[in-house]
PDB file of all heavy atoms in Angstrom:
ATOM      1  N   MET A   1       0.843  -1.189   0.000  1.00  0.00           N
ATOM      2  CA  MET A   1       0.000   0.000   0.000  1.00  0.00           C
ATOM      3  C   MET A   1       0.886   1.249   0.000  1.00  0.00           C
ATOM      4  O   MET A   1       1.809   1.361   0.801  1.00  0.00           O
ATOM      5  CB  MET A   1      -0.925   0.000   1.213  1.00  0.00           C
ATOM      6  CG  MET A   1      -1.825   1.234   1.313  1.00  0.00           C
ATOM      7  SD  MET A   1      -2.870   1.210   2.780  1.00  0.00           S
ATOM      8  CE  MET A   1      -3.878  -0.217   2.418  1.00  0.00           C
ATOM      9  N   ASN A   2       0.572   2.187  -0.894  1.00  0.00           N
ATOM     10  CA  ASN A   2       1.327   3.429  -0.957  1.00  0.00           C
ATOM     11  C   ASN A   2       0.888   4.375   0.148  1.00  0.00           C
ATOM     12  O   ASN A   2      -0.306   4.516   0.417  1.00  0.00           O
ATOM     13  CB  ASN A   2       1.116   4.112  -2.307  1.00  0.00           C
ATOM     14  CG  ASN A   2       1.803   3.386  -3.435  1.00  0.00           C
ATOM     15  OD1 ASN A   2       2.700   2.595  -3.208  1.00  0.00           O
ATOM     16  ND2 ASN A   2       1.375   3.660  -4.652  1.00  0.00           N
ATOM     17  N   PRO A   3       1.823   5.053   0.802  1.00  0.00           N
ATOM     18  CA  PRO A   3       1.434   6.033   1.811  1.00  0.00           C
ATOM     19  C   PRO A   3       0.826   7.255   1.153  1.00  0.00           C
ATOM     20  O   PRO A   3       1.013   7.505  -0.033  1.00  0.00           O
ATOM     21  CB  PRO A   3       2.764   6.366   2.497  1.00  0.00           C
ATOM     22  CG  PRO A   3       3.790   6.121   1.443  1.00  0.00           C
ATOM     23  CD  PRO A   3       3.284   4.956   0.635  1.00  0.00           C
ATOM     24  N   ASP A   4       0.097   8.048   1.932  1.00  0.00           N
ATOM     25  CA  ASP A   4      -0.465   9.308   1.449  1.00  0.00           C
ATOM     26  C   ASP A   4       0.663  10.319   1.340  1.00  0.00           C
ATOM     27  O   ASP A   4       1.172  10.801   2.353  1.00  0.00           O
ATOM     28  CB  ASP A   4      -1.548   9.787   2.406  1.00  0.00           C
ATOM     29  CG  ASP A   4      -2.110  11.140   2.004  1.00  0.00           C
ATOM     30  OD1 ASP A   4      -1.860  11.584   0.864  1.00  0.00           O
ATOM     31  OD2 ASP A   4      -2.787  11.773   2.838  1.00  0.00           O
ATOM     32  N   ILE A   5       1.072  10.629   0.123  1.00  0.00           N
ATOM     33  CA  ILE A   5       2.227  11.500  -0.063  1.00  0.00           C
ATOM     34  C   ILE A   5       1.970  12.890   0.504  1.00  0.00           C
ATOM     35  O   ILE A   5       2.898  13.555   0.990  1.00  0.00           O
ATOM     36  CB  ILE A   5       2.616  11.589  -1.566  1.00  0.00           C
ATOM     37  CG1 ILE A   5       3.972  12.291  -1.730  1.00  0.00           C
ATOM     38  CG2 ILE A   5       1.519  12.271  -2.362  1.00  0.00           C
ATOM     39  CD1 ILE A   5       5.116  11.573  -1.058  1.00  0.00           C
ATOM     40  N   HIS A   6       0.720  13.339   0.506  1.00  0.00           N
ATOM     41  CA  HIS A   6       0.416  14.664   1.048  1.00  0.00           C
ATOM     42  C   HIS A   6       0.775  14.744   2.529  1.00  0.00           C
ATOM     43  O   HIS A   6       1.227  15.792   3.011  1.00  0.00           O
ATOM     44  CB  HIS A   6      -1.068  14.995   0.850  1.00  0.00           C
ATOM     45  CG  HIS A   6      -1.486  15.091  -0.580  1.00  0.00           C
ATOM     46  ND1 HIS A   6      -1.814  13.986  -1.336  1.00  0.00           N
ATOM     47  CD2 HIS A   6      -1.606  16.175  -1.407  1.00  0.00           C
ATOM     48  CE1 HIS A   6      -2.127  14.374  -2.561  1.00  0.00           C
ATOM     49  NE2 HIS A   6      -2.010  15.685  -2.632  1.00  0.00           N
ATOM     50  N   SER A   7       0.592  13.652   3.253  1.00  0.00           N
ATOM     51  CA  SER A   7       0.895  13.654   4.684  1.00  0.00           C
ATOM     52  C   SER A   7       2.394  13.621   4.961  1.00  0.00           C
ATOM     53  O   SER A   7       2.820  13.870   6.093  1.00  0.00           O
ATOM     54  CB  SER A   7       0.222  12.452   5.358  1.00  0.00           C
ATOM     55  OG  SER A   7       0.830  11.235   4.935  1.00  0.00           O
ATOM     56  N   LEU A   8       3.194  13.312   3.944  1.00  0.00           N
ATOM     57  CA  LEU A   8       4.638  13.205   4.116  1.00  0.00           C
ATOM     58  C   LEU A   8       5.379  14.484   3.733  1.00  0.00           C
ATOM     59  O   LEU A   8       6.541  14.649   4.088  1.00  0.00           O
ATOM     60  CB  LEU A   8       5.184  12.039   3.286  1.00  0.00           C
ATOM     61  CG  LEU A   8       4.605  10.657   3.579  1.00  0.00           C
ATOM     62  CD1 LEU A   8       5.233   9.612   2.668  1.00  0.00           C
ATOM     63  CD2 LEU A   8       4.799  10.274   5.044  1.00  0.00           C
ATOM     64  N   ILE A   9       4.719  15.371   3.001  1.00  0.00           N
ATOM     65  CA  ILE A   9       5.368  16.609   2.559  1.00  0.00           C
ATOM     66  C   ILE A   9       5.359  17.628   3.698  1.00  0.00           C
ATOM     67  O   ILE A   9       4.308  17.959   4.246  1.00  0.00           O
ATOM     68  CB  ILE A   9       4.674  17.169   1.315  1.00  0.00           C
ATOM     69  CG1 ILE A   9       4.864  16.206   0.137  1.00  0.00           C
ATOM     70  CG2 ILE A   9       5.241  18.546   0.962  1.00  0.00           C
ATOM     71  CD1 ILE A   9       4.073  16.582  -1.087  1.00  0.00           C
ATOM     72  N   ILE A  10       6.542  18.126   4.036  1.00  0.00           N
ATOM     73  CA  ILE A  10       6.696  19.079   5.140  1.00  0.00           C
ATOM     74  C   ILE A  10       6.801  20.511   4.624  1.00  0.00           C
ATOM     75  O   ILE A  10       6.282  21.442   5.230  1.00  0.00           O
ATOM     76  CB  ILE A  10       7.938  18.710   5.968  1.00  0.00           C
ATOM     77  CG1 ILE A  10       7.716  17.350   6.634  1.00  0.00           C
ATOM     78  CG2 ILE A  10       8.260  19.780   7.014  1.00  0.00           C
ATOM     79  CD1 ILE A  10       8.947  16.814   7.330  1.00  0.00           C
ATOM     80  N   TYR A  11       7.459  20.670   3.475  1.00  0.00           N
ATOM     81  CA  TYR A  11       7.657  22.011   2.914  1.00  0.00           C
ATOM     82  C   TYR A  11       7.802  21.892   1.408  1.00  0.00           C
ATOM     83  O   TYR A  11       8.411  20.941   0.902  1.00  0.00           O
ATOM     84  CB  TYR A  11       8.913  22.664   3.506  1.00  0.00           C
ATOM     85  CG  TYR A  11       9.261  23.991   2.870  1.00  0.00           C
ATOM     86  CD1 TYR A  11       8.672  25.167   3.318  1.00  0.00           C
ATOM     87  CD2 TYR A  11      10.175  24.062   1.818  1.00  0.00           C
ATOM     88  CE1 TYR A  11       8.990  26.387   2.733  1.00  0.00           C
ATOM     89  CE2 TYR A  11      10.495  25.271   1.226  1.00  0.00           C
ATOM     90  CZ  TYR A  11       9.899  26.430   1.686  1.00  0.00           C
ATOM     91  OH  TYR A  11      10.196  27.635   1.099  1.00  0.00           O
ATOM     92  N   GLU A  12       7.246  22.883   0.694  1.00  0.00           N
ATOM     93  CA  GLU A  12       7.387  22.905  -0.767  1.00  0.00           C
ATOM     94  C   GLU A  12       7.346  24.337  -1.260  1.00  0.00           C
ATOM     95  O   GLU A  12       6.567  25.164  -0.782  1.00  0.00           O
ATOM     96  CB  GLU A  12       6.266  22.103  -1.429  1.00  0.00           C
ATOM     97  CG  GLU A  12       6.388  22.053  -2.952  1.00  0.00           C
ATOM     98  CD  GLU A  12       5.252  21.307  -3.626  1.00  0.00           C
ATOM     99  OE1 GLU A  12       4.276  20.941  -2.929  1.00  0.00           O
ATOM    100  OE2 GLU A  12       5.335  21.109  -4.856  1.00  0.00           O
ATOM    101  N   ASP A  13       8.220  24.652  -2.224  1.00  0.00           N
ATOM    102  CA  ASP A  13       8.159  25.916  -2.946  1.00  0.00           C
ATOM    103  C   ASP A  13       8.589  25.618  -4.388  1.00  0.00           C
ATOM    104  O   ASP A  13       8.796  24.452  -4.734  1.00  0.00           O
ATOM    105  CB  ASP A  13       8.997  27.001  -2.251  1.00  0.00           C
ATOM    106  CG  ASP A  13      10.498  26.720  -2.250  1.00  0.00           C
ATOM    107  OD1 ASP A  13      11.001  26.016  -3.150  1.00  0.00           O
ATOM    108  OD2 ASP A  13      11.189  27.212  -1.327  1.00  0.00           O
ATOM    109  N   PRO A  14       8.721  26.604  -5.255  1.00  0.00           N
ATOM    110  CA  PRO A  14       9.053  26.303  -6.652  1.00  0.00           C
ATOM    111  C   PRO A  14      10.414  25.641  -6.863  1.00  0.00           C
ATOM    112  O   PRO A  14      10.672  25.096  -7.941  1.00  0.00           O
ATOM    113  CB  PRO A  14       9.015  27.683  -7.320  1.00  0.00           C
ATOM    114  CG  PRO A  14       8.045  28.465  -6.498  1.00  0.00           C
ATOM    115  CD  PRO A  14       8.285  28.016  -5.089  1.00  0.00           C
ATOM    116  N   SER A  15      11.302  25.672  -5.853  1.00  0.00           N
ATOM    117  CA  SER A  15      12.649  25.135  -6.032  1.00  0.00           C
ATOM    118  C   SER A  15      12.900  23.811  -5.332  1.00  0.00           C
ATOM    119  O   SER A  15      13.680  22.986  -5.823  1.00  0.00           O
ATOM    120  CB  SER A  15      13.690  26.156  -5.530  1.00  0.00           C
ATOM    121  OG  SER A  15      13.607  27.359  -6.255  1.00  0.00           O
ATOM    122  N   VAL A  16      12.295  23.605  -4.170  1.00  0.00           N
ATOM    123  CA  VAL A  16      12.595  22.420  -3.363  1.00  0.00           C
ATOM    124  C   VAL A  16      11.331  21.815  -2.791  1.00  0.00           C
ATOM    125  O   VAL A  16      10.287  22.480  -2.696  1.00  0.00           O
ATOM    126  CB  VAL A  16      13.567  22.740  -2.202  1.00  0.00           C
ATOM    127  CG1 VAL A  16      14.883  23.297  -2.713  1.00  0.00           C
ATOM    128  CG2 VAL A  16      12.923  23.695  -1.198  1.00  0.00           C
ATOM    129  N   ILE A  17      11.454  20.572  -2.392  1.00  0.00           N
ATOM    130  CA  ILE A  17      10.392  19.892  -1.662  1.00  0.00           C
ATOM    131  C   ILE A  17      11.050  19.040  -0.582  1.00  0.00           C
ATOM    132  O   ILE A  17      11.994  18.301  -0.847  1.00  0.00           O
ATOM    133  CB  ILE A  17       9.511  19.038  -2.609  1.00  0.00           C
ATOM    134  CG1 ILE A  17       8.322  18.453  -1.868  1.00  0.00           C
ATOM    135  CG2 ILE A  17      10.305  17.968  -3.321  1.00  0.00           C
ATOM    136  CD1 ILE A  17       7.228  17.938  -2.814  1.00  0.00           C
ATOM    137  N   VAL A  18      10.603  19.214   0.651  1.00  0.00           N
ATOM    138  CA  VAL A  18      11.136  18.490   1.804  1.00  0.00           C
ATOM    139  C   VAL A  18      10.058  17.554   2.318  1.00  0.00           C
ATOM    140  O   VAL A  18       8.894  17.959   2.475  1.00  0.00           O
ATOM    141  CB  VAL A  18      11.567  19.459   2.927  1.00  0.00           C
ATOM    142  CG1 VAL A  18      12.076  18.689   4.144  1.00  0.00           C
ATOM    143  CG2 VAL A  18      12.635  20.422   2.418  1.00  0.00           C
ATOM    144  N   CYS A  19      10.436  16.312   2.554  1.00  0.00           N
ATOM    145  CA  CYS A  19       9.438  15.345   2.991  1.00  0.00           C
ATOM    146  C   CYS A  19      10.027  14.372   4.011  1.00  0.00           C
ATOM    147  O   CYS A  19      11.250  14.319   4.208  1.00  0.00           O
ATOM    148  CB  CYS A  19       8.866  14.579   1.803  1.00  0.00           C
ATOM    149  SG  CYS A  19      10.085  13.572   0.951  1.00  0.00           S
ATOM    150  N   ARG A  20       9.144  13.649   4.656  1.00  0.00           N
ATOM    151  CA  ARG A  20       9.538  12.592   5.585  1.00  0.00           C
ATOM    152  C   ARG A  20       9.405  11.245   4.881  1.00  0.00           C
ATOM    153  O   ARG A  20       8.327  10.891   4.415  1.00  0.00           O
ATOM    154  CB  ARG A  20       8.653  12.616   6.832  1.00  0.00           C
ATOM    155  CG  ARG A  20       8.956  11.490   7.829  1.00  0.00           C
ATOM    156  CD  ARG A  20       8.057  11.561   9.045  1.00  0.00           C
ATOM    157  NE  ARG A  20       6.652  11.381   8.715  1.00  0.00           N
ATOM    158  CZ  ARG A  20       6.059  10.179   8.579  1.00  0.00           C
ATOM    159  NH1 ARG A  20       6.771   9.070   8.719  1.00  0.00           N
ATOM    160  NH2 ARG A  20       4.783  10.103   8.291  1.00  0.00           N
ATOM    161  N   LYS A  21      10.489  10.514   4.798  1.00  0.00           N
ATOM    162  CA  LYS A  21      10.453   9.179   4.211  1.00  0.00           C
ATOM    163  C   LYS A  21      10.142   8.151   5.301  1.00  0.00           C
ATOM    164  O   LYS A  21      10.876   8.060   6.284  1.00  0.00           O
ATOM    165  CB  LYS A  21      11.796   8.821   3.562  1.00  0.00           C
ATOM    166  CG  LYS A  21      11.760   7.469   2.834  1.00  0.00           C
ATOM    167  CD  LYS A  21      13.136   7.038   2.365  1.00  0.00           C
ATOM    168  CE  LYS A  21      13.883   6.266   3.427  1.00  0.00           C
ATOM    169  NZ  LYS A  21      13.268   4.956   3.777  1.00  0.00           N
ATOM    170  N   PRO A  22       9.081   7.377   5.138  1.00  0.00           N
ATOM    171  CA  PRO A  22       8.814   6.328   6.122  1.00  0.00           C
ATOM    172  C   PRO A  22       9.834   5.191   5.998  1.00  0.00           C
ATOM    173  O   PRO A  22      10.425   4.975   4.931  1.00  0.00           O
ATOM    174  CB  PRO A  22       7.411   5.832   5.746  1.00  0.00           C
ATOM    175  CG  PRO A  22       6.846   6.863   4.830  1.00  0.00           C
ATOM    176  CD  PRO A  22       8.015   7.476   4.134  1.00  0.00           C
ATOM    177  N   ALA A  23      10.051   4.481   7.076  1.00  0.00           N
ATOM    178  CA  ALA A  23      10.893   3.286   7.024  1.00  0.00           C
ATOM    179  C   ALA A  23      10.245   2.258   6.110  1.00  0.00           C
ATOM    180  O   ALA A  23       9.021   2.121   6.070  1.00  0.00           O
ATOM    181  CB  ALA A  23      11.067   2.711   8.425  1.00  0.00           C
ATOM    182  N   GLY A  24      11.066   1.552   5.344  1.00  0.00           N
ATOM    183  CA  GLY A  24      10.574   0.496   4.469  1.00  0.00           C
ATOM    184  C   GLY A  24      10.352   0.905   3.031  1.00  0.00           C
ATOM    185  O   GLY A  24      10.173   0.057   2.161  1.00  0.00           O
ATOM    186  N   ILE A  25      10.371   2.209   2.751  1.00  0.00           N
ATOM    187  CA  ILE A  25      10.196   2.709   1.383  1.00  0.00           C
ATOM    188  C   ILE A  25      11.536   3.227   0.881  1.00  0.00           C
ATOM    189  O   ILE A  25      12.172   4.052   1.545  1.00  0.00           O
ATOM    190  CB  ILE A  25       9.137   3.823   1.323  1.00  0.00           C
ATOM    191  CG1 ILE A  25       7.775   3.260   1.724  1.00  0.00           C
ATOM    192  CG2 ILE A  25       9.078   4.446  -0.065  1.00  0.00           C
ATOM    193  CD1 ILE A  25       6.666   4.270   1.670  1.00  0.00           C
ATOM    194  N   PRO A  26      12.000   2.756  -0.278  1.00  0.00           N
ATOM    195  CA  PRO A  26      13.283   3.251  -0.789  1.00  0.00           C
ATOM    196  C   PRO A  26      13.198   4.698  -1.244  1.00  0.00           C
ATOM    197  O   PRO A  26      12.121   5.178  -1.619  1.00  0.00           O
ATOM    198  CB  PRO A  26      13.586   2.319  -1.966  1.00  0.00           C
ATOM    199  CG  PRO A  26      12.255   1.772  -2.381  1.00  0.00           C
ATOM    200  CD  PRO A  26      11.408   1.728  -1.157  1.00  0.00           C
ATOM    201  N   THR A  27      14.323   5.388  -1.203  1.00  0.00           N
ATOM    202  CA  THR A  27      14.377   6.738  -1.749  1.00  0.00           C
ATOM    203  C   THR A  27      14.101   6.692  -3.248  1.00  0.00           C
ATOM    204  O   THR A  27      13.306   7.473  -3.768  1.00  0.00           O
ATOM    205  CB  THR A  27      15.755   7.369  -1.493  1.00  0.00           C
ATOM    206  OG1 THR A  27      16.021   7.371  -0.091  1.00  0.00           O
ATOM    207  CG2 THR A  27      15.807   8.795  -2.032  1.00  0.00           C
ATOM    208  N   GLN A  28      14.764   5.767  -3.937  1.00  0.00           N
ATOM    209  CA  GLN A  28      14.574   5.580  -5.376  1.00  0.00           C
ATOM    210  C   GLN A  28      14.842   4.123  -5.691  1.00  0.00           C
ATOM    211  O   GLN A  28      15.753   3.518  -5.139  1.00  0.00           O
ATOM    212  CB  GLN A  28      15.508   6.488  -6.160  1.00  0.00           C
ATOM    213  CG  GLN A  28      15.282   6.480  -7.668  1.00  0.00           C
ATOM    214  CD  GLN A  28      16.158   7.502  -8.366  1.00  0.00           C
ATOM    215  OE1 GLN A  28      17.269   7.797  -7.942  1.00  0.00           O
ATOM    216  NE2 GLN A  28      15.663   8.070  -9.458  1.00  0.00           N
ATOM    217  N   SER A  29      14.041   3.551  -6.559  1.00  0.00           N
ATOM    218  CA  SER A  29      14.183   2.142  -6.897  1.00  0.00           C
ATOM    219  C   SER A  29      14.235   1.972  -8.408  1.00  0.00           C
ATOM    220  O   SER A  29      13.603   2.721  -9.154  1.00  0.00           O
ATOM    221  CB  SER A  29      13.002   1.336  -6.328  1.00  0.00           C
ATOM    222  OG  SER A  29      13.063  -0.007  -6.754  1.00  0.00           O
ATOM    223  N   SER A  30      15.000   0.980  -8.852  1.00  0.00           N
ATOM    224  CA  SER A  30      15.076   0.671 -10.282  1.00  0.00           C
ATOM    225  C   SER A  30      14.010  -0.343 -10.685  1.00  0.00           C
ATOM    226  O   SER A  30      13.869  -0.653 -11.864  1.00  0.00           O
ATOM    227  CB  SER A  30      16.464   0.116 -10.626  1.00  0.00           C
ATOM    228  OG  SER A  30      16.737  -1.045  -9.868  1.00  0.00           O
ATOM    229  N   ARG A  31      13.278  -0.848  -9.710  1.00  0.00           N
ATOM    230  CA  ARG A  31      12.248  -1.848 -10.003  1.00  0.00           C
ATOM    231  C   ARG A  31      11.020  -1.183 -10.608  1.00  0.00           C
ATOM    232  O   ARG A  31      10.565  -0.135 -10.144  1.00  0.00           O
ATOM    233  CB  ARG A  31      11.854  -2.594  -8.735  1.00  0.00           C
ATOM    234  CG  ARG A  31      12.975  -3.420  -8.121  1.00  0.00           C
ATOM    235  CD  ARG A  31      12.582  -3.966  -6.768  1.00  0.00           C
ATOM    236  NE  ARG A  31      11.346  -4.730  -6.835  1.00  0.00           N
ATOM    237  CZ  ARG A  31      10.688  -5.155  -5.761  1.00  0.00           C
ATOM    238  NH1 ARG A  31      11.133  -4.853  -4.547  1.00  0.00           N
ATOM    239  NH2 ARG A  31       9.586  -5.860  -5.897  1.00  0.00           N
ATOM    240  N   ILE A  32      10.476  -1.804 -11.644  1.00  0.00           N
ATOM    241  CA  ILE A  32       9.287  -1.278 -12.313  1.00  0.00           C
ATOM    242  C   ILE A  32       8.102  -1.352 -11.361  1.00  0.00           C
ATOM    243  O   ILE A  32       7.886  -2.348 -10.675  1.00  0.00           O
ATOM    244  CB  ILE A  32       8.993  -2.076 -13.599  1.00  0.00           C
ATOM    245  CG1 ILE A  32      10.150  -1.927 -14.586  1.00  0.00           C
ATOM    246  CG2 ILE A  32       7.683  -1.608 -14.237  1.00  0.00           C
ATOM    247  CD1 ILE A  32      10.001  -2.755 -15.835  1.00  0.00           C
ATOM    248  N   ALA A  33       7.329  -0.268 -11.309  1.00  0.00           N
ATOM    249  CA  ALA A  33       6.125  -0.163 -10.487  1.00  0.00           C
ATOM    250  C   ALA A  33       6.418  -0.230  -8.991  1.00  0.00           C
ATOM    251  O   ALA A  33       5.537  -0.486  -8.189  1.00  0.00           O
ATOM    252  CB  ALA A  33       5.109  -1.240 -10.866  1.00  0.00           C
ATOM    253  N   ALA A  34       7.680   0.012  -8.609  1.00  0.00           N
ATOM    254  CA  ALA A  34       8.029   0.001  -7.197  1.00  0.00           C
ATOM    255  C   ALA A  34       7.519   1.270  -6.530  1.00  0.00           C
ATOM    256  O   ALA A  34       7.445   2.334  -7.143  1.00  0.00           O
ATOM    257  CB  ALA A  34       9.539  -0.108  -7.017  1.00  0.00           C
ATOM    258  N   SER A  35       7.150   1.153  -5.267  1.00  0.00           N
ATOM    259  CA  SER A  35       6.720   2.306  -4.493  1.00  0.00           C
ATOM    260  C   SER A  35       7.943   2.931  -3.844  1.00  0.00           C
ATOM    261  O   SER A  35       8.495   2.398  -2.882  1.00  0.00           O
ATOM    262  CB  SER A  35       5.709   1.870  -3.418  1.00  0.00           C
ATOM    263  OG  SER A  35       5.344   2.961  -2.614  1.00  0.00           O
ATOM    264  N   ASP A  36       8.426   4.031  -4.399  1.00  0.00           N
ATOM    265  CA  ASP A  36       9.568   4.730  -3.824  1.00  0.00           C
ATOM    266  C   ASP A  36       9.242   6.213  -3.740  1.00  0.00           C
ATOM    267  O   ASP A  36       8.248   6.692  -4.288  1.00  0.00           O
ATOM    268  CB  ASP A  36      10.840   4.477  -4.629  1.00  0.00           C
ATOM    269  CG  ASP A  36      10.728   4.913  -6.076  1.00  0.00           C
ATOM    270  OD1 ASP A  36      10.204   6.016  -6.333  1.00  0.00           O
ATOM    271  OD2 ASP A  36      11.162   4.170  -6.965  1.00  0.00           O
ATOM    272  N   MET A  37      10.068   6.969  -3.019  1.00  0.00           N
ATOM    273  CA  MET A  37       9.770   8.372  -2.794  1.00  0.00           C
ATOM    274  C   MET A  37       9.789   9.179  -4.086  1.00  0.00           C
ATOM    275  O   MET A  37       8.952  10.073  -4.280  1.00  0.00           O
ATOM    276  CB  MET A  37      10.768   8.957  -1.791  1.00  0.00           C
ATOM    277  CG  MET A  37      10.649   8.385  -0.386  1.00  0.00           C
ATOM    278  SD  MET A  37       8.985   8.520   0.327  1.00  0.00           S
ATOM    279  CE  MET A  37       8.767  10.301   0.378  1.00  0.00           C
ATOM    280  N   VAL A  38      10.718   8.881  -4.983  1.00  0.00           N
ATOM    281  CA  VAL A  38      10.790   9.618  -6.238  1.00  0.00           C
ATOM    282  C   VAL A  38       9.507   9.424  -7.051  1.00  0.00           C
ATOM    283  O   VAL A  38       8.919  10.391  -7.554  1.00  0.00           O
ATOM    284  CB  VAL A  38      12.027   9.188  -7.052  1.00  0.00           C
ATOM    285  CG1 VAL A  38      11.966   9.759  -8.470  1.00  0.00           C
ATOM    286  CG2 VAL A  38      13.300   9.646  -6.364  1.00  0.00           C
TER     287      VAL A  38
END
């Protein structure tokens, strides 16, 4: 199950986005259809 990304975003403006990554989700994955932060 994918987490609610809106609940993970802490700050956003036109240049950056800061978020909280939950444990168990990769920052970025090469696997197709993988649930990762990117």
